[in-house]
Amino acid sequence: MPDIQPSIPNSLSTNTLQVMQLVARMKEAADRQGIEFVGGFISPEGEKFIMSNMSDEQTQAMLPEDLK
Protein backbone atom coordinates (compact mmCIF):
# COMPACT_ATOMS: atom_id res chain seq x y z
CA MET A 1 0.00 0.00 0.00
CA PRO A 2 1.50 3.40 -0.96
CA ASP A 3 2.36 5.94 1.71
CA ILE A 4 -0.32 8.64 1.45
CA GLN A 5 0.73 12.12 2.54
CA PRO A 6 -1.84 14.75 3.48
CA SER A 7 -2.38 17.53 0.98
CA ILE A 8 -1.35 20.86 2.48
CA PRO A 9 -2.22 23.90 0.36
CA ASN A 10 0.63 26.31 -0.37
CA SER A 11 -1.62 29.25 0.44
CA LEU A 12 -1.70 28.63 4.21
CA SER A 13 0.21 31.18 6.23
CA THR A 14 2.99 30.15 8.55
CA ASN A 15 0.87 31.30 11.49
CA THR A 16 -2.07 29.11 10.41
CA LEU A 17 0.22 26.09 10.04
CA GLN A 18 1.68 26.72 13.50
CA VAL A 19 -1.78 26.86 15.07
CA MET A 20 -2.79 23.67 13.22
CA GLN A 21 0.32 21.98 14.64
CA LEU A 22 -0.57 23.17 18.15
CA VAL A 23 -4.07 21.68 17.89
CA ALA A 24 -2.56 18.42 16.58
CA ARG A 25 -0.13 18.29 19.53
CA MET A 26 -3.01 18.86 21.98
CA LYS A 27 -4.94 15.98 20.37
CA GLU A 28 -1.86 13.74 20.58
CA ALA A 29 -1.46 14.59 24.28
CA ALA A 30 -5.12 13.71 24.89
CA ASP A 31 -4.65 10.44 22.99
CA ARG A 32 -1.65 9.53 25.18
CA GLN A 33 -3.72 10.17 28.31
CA GLY A 34 -6.74 8.31 26.95
CA ILE A 35 -9.05 11.31 27.26
CA GLU A 36 -11.55 12.73 24.80
CA PHE A 37 -10.55 15.78 22.83
CA VAL A 38 -12.13 18.24 20.47
CA GLY A 39 -10.28 21.42 19.62
CA GLY A 40 -9.64 23.85 16.83
CA PHE A 41 -9.77 27.44 15.72
CA ILE A 42 -11.33 29.83 13.24
CA SER A 43 -8.82 31.62 11.02
CA PRO A 44 -9.01 35.37 10.41
CA GLU A 45 -10.44 34.45 6.99
CA GLY A 46 -13.28 32.56 8.68
CA GLU A 47 -12.10 29.03 7.88
CA LYS A 48 -12.68 26.45 10.62
CA PHE A 49 -10.11 23.83 11.64
CA ILE A 50 -11.24 21.13 14.07
CA MET A 51 -9.53 17.96 15.30
CA SER A 52 -11.09 15.33 17.54
CA ASN A 53 -10.44 11.81 18.75
CA MET A 54 -14.15 11.13 19.18
CA SER A 55 -16.74 9.94 16.69
CA ASP A 56 -18.20 12.54 14.34
CA GLU A 57 -21.53 12.21 16.14
CA GLN A 58 -19.97 12.92 19.55
CA THR A 59 -17.93 15.80 18.18
CA GLN A 60 -20.96 17.43 16.54
CA ALA A 61 -22.95 17.09 19.78
CA MET A 62 -20.26 19.01 21.69
CA LEU A 63 -19.79 21.84 19.19
CA PRO A 64 -21.71 25.09 19.54
CA GLU A 65 -24.17 25.74 16.72
CA ASP A 66 -21.99 28.41 15.09
CA LEU A 67 -19.14 25.89 14.66
CA LYS A 68 -21.16 23.10 13.05
PDB file of N, CA and C in Angstrom:
ATOM      1  N   MET A   1       0.847  -1.182   0.000  1.00  0.00           N
ATOM      2  CA  MET A   1       0.000   0.000   0.000  1.00  0.00           C
ATOM      3  C   MET A   1       0.894   1.248   0.000  1.00  0.00           C
ATOM      4  N   PRO A   2       0.647   2.196  -0.900  1.00  0.00           N
ATOM      5  CA  PRO A   2       1.501   3.395  -0.965  1.00  0.00           C
ATOM      6  C   PRO A   2       1.310   4.289   0.249  1.00  0.00           C
ATOM      7  N   ASP A   3       2.393   4.980   0.601  1.00  0.00           N
ATOM      8  CA  ASP A   3       2.363   5.939   1.707  1.00  0.00           C
ATOM      9  C   ASP A   3       1.617   7.182   1.236  1.00  0.00           C
ATOM     10  N   ILE A   4       0.498   7.504   1.851  1.00  0.00           N
ATOM     11  CA  ILE A   4      -0.318   8.644   1.449  1.00  0.00           C
ATOM     12  C   ILE A   4      -0.020   9.817   2.370  1.00  0.00           C
ATOM     13  N   GLN A   5       0.430  10.906   1.786  1.00  0.00           N
ATOM     14  CA  GLN A   5       0.733  12.120   2.538  1.00  0.00           C
ATOM     15  C   GLN A   5      -0.450  13.071   2.453  1.00  0.00           C
ATOM     16  N   PRO A   6      -0.734  13.795   3.540  1.00  0.00           N
ATOM     17  CA  PRO A   6      -1.840  14.752   3.481  1.00  0.00           C
ATOM     18  C   PRO A   6      -1.519  15.879   2.514  1.00  0.00           C
ATOM     19  N   SER A   7      -2.545  16.409   1.897  1.00  0.00           N
ATOM     20  CA  SER A   7      -2.383  17.526   0.979  1.00  0.00           C
ATOM     21  C   SER A   7      -2.461  18.823   1.771  1.00  0.00           C
ATOM     22  N   ILE A   8      -1.390  19.597   1.754  1.00  0.00           N
ATOM     23  CA  ILE A   8      -1.349  20.865   2.475  1.00  0.00           C
ATOM     24  C   ILE A   8      -1.243  21.979   1.446  1.00  0.00           C
ATOM     25  N   PRO A   9      -2.249  22.820   1.355  1.00  0.00           N
ATOM     26  CA  PRO A   9      -2.216  23.899   0.365  1.00  0.00           C
ATOM     27  C   PRO A   9      -1.053  24.856   0.609  1.00  0.00           C
ATOM     28  N   ASN A  10      -0.482  25.366  -0.473  1.00  0.00           N
ATOM     29  CA  ASN A  10       0.625  26.312  -0.370  1.00  0.00           C
ATOM     30  C   ASN A  10       0.172  27.667   0.133  1.00  0.00           C
ATOM     31  N   SER A  11      -1.121  27.926   0.095  1.00  0.00           N
ATOM     32  CA  SER A  11      -1.621  29.252   0.439  1.00  0.00           C
ATOM     33  C   SER A  11      -1.797  29.472   1.942  1.00  0.00           C
ATOM     34  N   LEU A  12      -1.551  28.452   2.769  1.00  0.00           N
ATOM     35  CA  LEU A  12      -1.696  28.632   4.209  1.00  0.00           C
ATOM     36  C   LEU A  12      -0.531  29.442   4.751  1.00  0.00           C
ATOM     37  N   SER A  13      -0.845  30.367   5.625  1.00  0.00           N
ATOM     38  CA  SER A  13       0.208  31.180   6.228  1.00  0.00           C
ATOM     39  C   SER A  13       0.979  30.351   7.248  1.00  0.00           C
ATOM     40  N   THR A  14       2.173  30.807   7.545  1.00  0.00           N
ATOM     41  CA  THR A  14       2.993  30.145   8.553  1.00  0.00           C
ATOM     42  C   THR A  14       2.271  30.130   9.892  1.00  0.00           C
ATOM     43  N   ASN A  15       1.602  31.216  10.231  1.00  0.00           N
ATOM     44  CA  ASN A  15       0.869  31.299  11.493  1.00  0.00           C
ATOM     45  C   ASN A  15      -0.244  30.245  11.546  1.00  0.00           C
ATOM     46  N   THR A  16      -0.992  30.102  10.454  1.00  0.00           N
ATOM     47  CA  THR A  16      -2.071  29.107  10.409  1.00  0.00           C
ATOM     48  C   THR A  16      -1.507  27.707  10.577  1.00  0.00           C
ATOM     49  N   LEU A  17      -0.397  27.410   9.899  1.00  0.00           N
ATOM     50  CA  LEU A  17       0.221  26.091  10.037  1.00  0.00           C
ATOM     51  C   LEU A  17       0.697  25.845  11.468  1.00  0.00           C
ATOM     52  N   GLN A  18       1.230  26.870  12.115  1.00  0.00           N
ATOM     53  CA  GLN A  18       1.684  26.723  13.499  1.00  0.00           C
ATOM     54  C   GLN A  18       0.518  26.432  14.434  1.00  0.00           C
ATOM     55  N   VAL A  19      -0.607  27.096  14.215  1.00  0.00           N
ATOM     56  CA  VAL A  19      -1.778  26.863  15.069  1.00  0.00           C
ATOM     57  C   VAL A  19      -2.344  25.468  14.801  1.00  0.00           C
ATOM     58  N   MET A  20      -2.335  25.031  13.542  1.00  0.00           N
ATOM     59  CA  MET A  20      -2.791  23.675  13.222  1.00  0.00           C
ATOM     60  C   MET A  20      -1.913  22.643  13.934  1.00  0.00           C
ATOM     61  N   GLN A  21      -0.592  22.881  13.950  1.00  0.00           N
ATOM     62  CA  GLN A  21       0.323  21.978  14.640  1.00  0.00           C
ATOM     63  C   GLN A  21       0.050  21.959  16.143  1.00  0.00           C
ATOM     64  N   LEU A  22      -0.262  23.105  16.724  1.00  0.00           N
ATOM     65  CA  LEU A  22      -0.572  23.174  18.152  1.00  0.00           C
ATOM     66  C   LEU A  22      -1.800  22.335  18.475  1.00  0.00           C
ATOM     67  N   VAL A  23      -2.848  22.468  17.670  1.00  0.00           N
ATOM     68  CA  VAL A  23      -4.067  21.676  17.893  1.00  0.00           C
ATOM     69  C   VAL A  23      -3.751  20.190  17.754  1.00  0.00           C
ATOM     70  N   ALA A  24      -2.933  19.834  16.767  1.00  0.00           N
ATOM     71  CA  ALA A  24      -2.560  18.425  16.580  1.00  0.00           C
ATOM     72  C   ALA A  24      -1.786  17.896  17.784  1.00  0.00           C
ATOM     73  N   ARG A  25      -0.888  18.717  18.338  1.00  0.00           N
ATOM     74  CA  ARG A  25      -0.134  18.290  19.526  1.00  0.00           C
ATOM     75  C   ARG A  25      -1.059  18.126  20.732  1.00  0.00           C
ATOM     76  N   MET A  26      -2.056  19.003  20.876  1.00  0.00           N
ATOM     77  CA  MET A  26      -3.008  18.864  21.982  1.00  0.00           C
ATOM     78  C   MET A  26      -3.792  17.569  21.834  1.00  0.00           C
ATOM     79  N   LYS A  27      -4.208  17.234  20.608  1.00  0.00           N
ATOM     80  CA  LYS A  27      -4.937  15.984  20.373  1.00  0.00           C
ATOM     81  C   LYS A  27      -4.051  14.785  20.705  1.00  0.00           C
ATOM     82  N   GLU A  28      -2.786  14.837  20.278  1.00  0.00           N
ATOM     83  CA  GLU A  28      -1.858  13.745  20.579  1.00  0.00           C
ATOM     84  C   GLU A  28      -1.676  13.566  22.081  1.00  0.00           C
ATOM     85  N   ALA A  29      -1.594  14.672  22.824  1.00  0.00           N
ATOM     86  CA  ALA A  29      -1.461  14.591  24.283  1.00  0.00           C
ATOM     87  C   ALA A  29      -2.704  13.949  24.893  1.00  0.00           C
ATOM     88  N   ALA A  30      -3.874  14.315  24.397  1.00  0.00           N
ATOM     89  CA  ALA A  30      -5.123  13.714  24.885  1.00  0.00           C
ATOM     90  C   ALA A  30      -5.148  12.222  24.570  1.00  0.00           C
ATOM     91  N   ASP A  31      -4.703  11.864  23.365  1.00  0.00           N
ATOM     92  CA  ASP A  31      -4.651  10.443  22.986  1.00  0.00           C
ATOM     93  C   ASP A  31      -3.752   9.662  23.938  1.00  0.00           C
ATOM     94  N   ARG A  32      -2.578  10.224  24.266  1.00  0.00           N
ATOM     95  CA  ARG A  32      -1.647   9.529  25.177  1.00  0.00           C
ATOM     96  C   ARG A  32      -2.255   9.326  26.559  1.00  0.00           C
ATOM     97  N   GLN A  33      -3.092  10.271  26.991  1.00  0.00           N
ATOM     98  CA  GLN A  33      -3.715  10.174  28.309  1.00  0.00           C
ATOM     99  C   GLN A  33      -5.030   9.396  28.279  1.00  0.00           C
ATOM    100  N   GLY A  34      -5.492   9.066  27.084  1.00  0.00           N
ATOM    101  CA  GLY A  34      -6.741   8.314  26.945  1.00  0.00           C
ATOM    102  C   GLY A  34      -7.978   9.145  27.251  1.00  0.00           C
ATOM    103  N   ILE A  35      -7.898  10.450  27.002  1.00  0.00           N
ATOM    104  CA  ILE A  35      -9.052  11.312  27.259  1.00  0.00           C
ATOM    105  C   ILE A  35      -9.622  11.845  25.945  1.00  0.00           C
ATOM    106  N   GLU A  36     -10.891  12.195  25.987  1.00  0.00           N
ATOM    107  CA  GLU A  36     -11.552  12.727  24.803  1.00  0.00           C
ATOM    108  C   GLU A  36     -11.064  14.133  24.513  1.00  0.00           C
ATOM    109  N   PHE A  37     -11.032  14.468  23.231  1.00  0.00           N
ATOM    110  CA  PHE A  37     -10.545  15.776  22.825  1.00  0.00           C
ATOM    111  C   PHE A  37     -11.307  16.266  21.610  1.00  0.00           C
ATOM    112  N   VAL A  38     -11.673  17.529  21.656  1.00  0.00           N
ATOM    113  CA  VAL A  38     -12.132  18.243  20.470  1.00  0.00           C
ATOM    114  C   VAL A  38     -11.578  19.657  20.602  1.00  0.00           C
ATOM    115  N   GLY A  39     -10.882  20.106  19.579  1.00  0.00           N
ATOM    116  CA  GLY A  39     -10.276  21.422  19.624  1.00  0.00           C
ATOM    117  C   GLY A  39     -10.090  21.960  18.222  1.00  0.00           C
ATOM    118  N   GLY A  40      -9.853  23.241  18.138  1.00  0.00           N
ATOM    119  CA  GLY A  40      -9.645  23.846  16.835  1.00  0.00           C
ATOM    120  C   GLY A  40      -9.616  25.352  16.927  1.00  0.00           C
ATOM    121  N   PHE A  41      -9.780  25.986  15.776  1.00  0.00           N
ATOM    122  CA  PHE A  41      -9.766  27.438  15.719  1.00  0.00           C
ATOM    123  C   PHE A  41     -10.485  27.907  14.457  1.00  0.00           C
ATOM    124  N   ILE A  42     -10.784  29.179  14.433  1.00  0.00           N
ATOM    125  CA  ILE A  42     -11.331  29.825  13.237  1.00  0.00           C
ATOM    126  C   ILE A  42     -10.293  30.838  12.788  1.00  0.00           C
ATOM    127  N   SER A  43      -9.847  30.724  11.544  1.00  0.00           N
ATOM    128  CA  SER A  43      -8.815  31.622  11.019  1.00  0.00           C
ATOM    129  C   SER A  43      -9.392  33.019  10.823  1.00  0.00           C
ATOM    130  N   PRO A  44      -8.525  34.016  10.683  1.00  0.00           N
ATOM    131  CA  PRO A  44      -9.007  35.369  10.414  1.00  0.00           C
ATOM    132  C   PRO A  44      -9.862  35.450   9.144  1.00  0.00           C
ATOM    133  N   GLU A  45      -9.646  34.494   8.221  1.00  0.00           N
ATOM    134  CA  GLU A  45     -10.436  34.454   6.986  1.00  0.00           C
ATOM    135  C   GLU A  45     -11.772  33.747   7.179  1.00  0.00           C
ATOM    136  N   GLY A  46     -12.010  33.222   8.386  1.00  0.00           N
ATOM    137  CA  GLY A  46     -13.282  32.564   8.684  1.00  0.00           C
ATOM    138  C   GLY A  46     -13.298  31.070   8.447  1.00  0.00           C
ATOM    139  N   GLU A  47     -12.149  30.470   8.093  1.00  0.00           N
ATOM    140  CA  GLU A  47     -12.098  29.033   7.881  1.00  0.00           C
ATOM    141  C   GLU A  47     -11.957  28.320   9.218  1.00  0.00           C
ATOM    142  N   LYS A  48     -12.693  27.215   9.376  1.00  0.00           N
ATOM    143  CA  LYS A  48     -12.676  26.449  10.621  1.00  0.00           C
ATOM    144  C   LYS A  48     -11.735  25.266  10.500  1.00  0.00           C
ATOM    145  N   PHE A  49     -10.991  24.995  11.560  1.00  0.00           N
ATOM    146  CA  PHE A  49     -10.109  23.834  11.642  1.00  0.00           C
ATOM    147  C   PHE A  49     -10.428  23.142  12.952  1.00  0.00           C
ATOM    148  N   ILE A  50     -10.846  21.881  12.869  1.00  0.00           N
ATOM    149  CA  ILE A  50     -11.236  21.131  14.066  1.00  0.00           C
ATOM    150  C   ILE A  50     -10.592  19.755  14.014  1.00  0.00           C
ATOM    151  N   MET A  51     -10.050  19.316  15.151  1.00  0.00           N
ATOM    152  CA  MET A  51      -9.530  17.958  15.304  1.00  0.00           C
ATOM    153  C   MET A  51     -10.198  17.337  16.520  1.00  0.00           C
ATOM    154  N   SER A  52     -10.449  16.040  16.435  1.00  0.00           N
ATOM    155  CA  SER A  52     -11.092  15.333  17.537  1.00  0.00           C
ATOM    156  C   SER A  52     -10.650  13.879  17.520  1.00  0.00           C
ATOM    157  N   ASN A  53     -10.693  13.253  18.674  1.00  0.00           N
ATOM    158  CA  ASN A  53     -10.438  11.815  18.748  1.00  0.00           C
ATOM    159  C   ASN A  53     -11.722  11.056  19.093  1.00  0.00           C
ATOM    160  N   MET A  54     -12.843  11.739  18.920  1.00  0.00           N
ATOM    161  CA  MET A  54     -14.149  11.132  19.183  1.00  0.00           C
ATOM    162  C   MET A  54     -14.861  10.879  17.855  1.00  0.00           C
ATOM    163  N   SER A  55     -15.972  10.173  17.906  1.00  0.00           N
ATOM    164  CA  SER A  55     -16.742   9.939  16.688  1.00  0.00           C
ATOM    165  C   SER A  55     -17.300  11.265  16.181  1.00  0.00           C
ATOM    166  N   ASP A  56     -17.621  11.314  14.909  1.00  0.00           N
ATOM    167  CA  ASP A  56     -18.204  12.536  14.336  1.00  0.00           C
ATOM    168  C   ASP A  56     -19.486  12.926  15.067  1.00  0.00           C
ATOM    169  N   GLU A  57     -20.277  11.939  15.436  1.00  0.00           N
ATOM    170  CA  GLU A  57     -21.534  12.206  16.143  1.00  0.00           C
ATOM    171  C   GLU A  57     -21.272  12.860  17.500  1.00  0.00           C
ATOM    172  N   GLN A  58     -20.302  12.338  18.250  1.00  0.00           N
ATOM    173  CA  GLN A  58     -19.965  12.921  19.552  1.00  0.00           C
ATOM    174  C   GLN A  58     -19.400  14.328  19.392  1.00  0.00           C
ATOM    175  N   THR A  59     -18.526  14.492  18.406  1.00  0.00           N
ATOM    176  CA  THR A  59     -17.925  15.799  18.175  1.00  0.00           C
ATOM    177  C   THR A  59     -18.997  16.825  17.834  1.00  0.00           C
ATOM    178  N   GLN A  60     -19.908  16.499  16.935  1.00  0.00           N
ATOM    179  CA  GLN A  60     -20.961  17.432  16.538  1.00  0.00           C
ATOM    180  C   GLN A  60     -21.859  17.789  17.714  1.00  0.00           C
ATOM    181  N   ALA A  61     -22.103  16.830  18.614  1.00  0.00           N
ATOM    182  CA  ALA A  61     -22.955  17.088  19.778  1.00  0.00           C
ATOM    183  C   ALA A  61     -22.306  18.072  20.738  1.00  0.00           C
ATOM    184  N   MET A  62     -20.971  18.125  20.763  1.00  0.00           N
ATOM    185  CA  MET A  62     -20.264  19.005  21.692  1.00  0.00           C
ATOM    186  C   MET A  62     -20.051  20.417  21.128  1.00  0.00           C
ATOM    187  N   LEU A  63     -20.085  20.558  19.808  1.00  0.00           N
ATOM    188  CA  LEU A  63     -19.789  21.838  19.193  1.00  0.00           C
ATOM    189  C   LEU A  63     -20.947  22.815  19.331  1.00  0.00           C
ATOM    190  N   PRO A  64     -20.656  24.073  19.562  1.00  0.00           N
ATOM    191  CA  PRO A  64     -21.713  25.085  19.540  1.00  0.00           C
ATOM    192  C   PRO A  64     -22.288  25.204  18.129  1.00  0.00           C
ATOM    193  N   GLU A  65     -23.492  25.663  18.016  1.00  0.00           N
ATOM    194  CA  GLU A  65     -24.171  25.740  16.717  1.00  0.00           C
ATOM    195  C   GLU A  65     -23.374  26.521  15.674  1.00  0.00           C
ATOM    196  N   ASP A  66     -22.714  27.596  16.072  1.00  0.00           N
ATOM    197  CA  ASP A  66     -21.985  28.412  15.091  1.00  0.00           C
ATOM    198  C   ASP A  66     -20.703  27.744  14.575  1.00  0.00           C
ATOM    199  N   LEU A  67     -20.313  26.622  15.148  1.00  0.00           N
ATOM    200  CA  LEU A  67     -19.137  25.889  14.659  1.00  0.00           C
ATOM    201  C   LEU A  67     -19.487  24.646  13.864  1.00  0.00           C
ATOM    202  N   LYS A  68     -20.748  24.316  13.787  1.00  0.00           N
ATOM    203  CA  LYS A  68     -21.160  23.104  13.051  1.00  0.00           C
ATOM    204  C   LYS A  68     -21.215  23.363  11.575  1.00  0.00           C
TER     205      LYS A  68
END
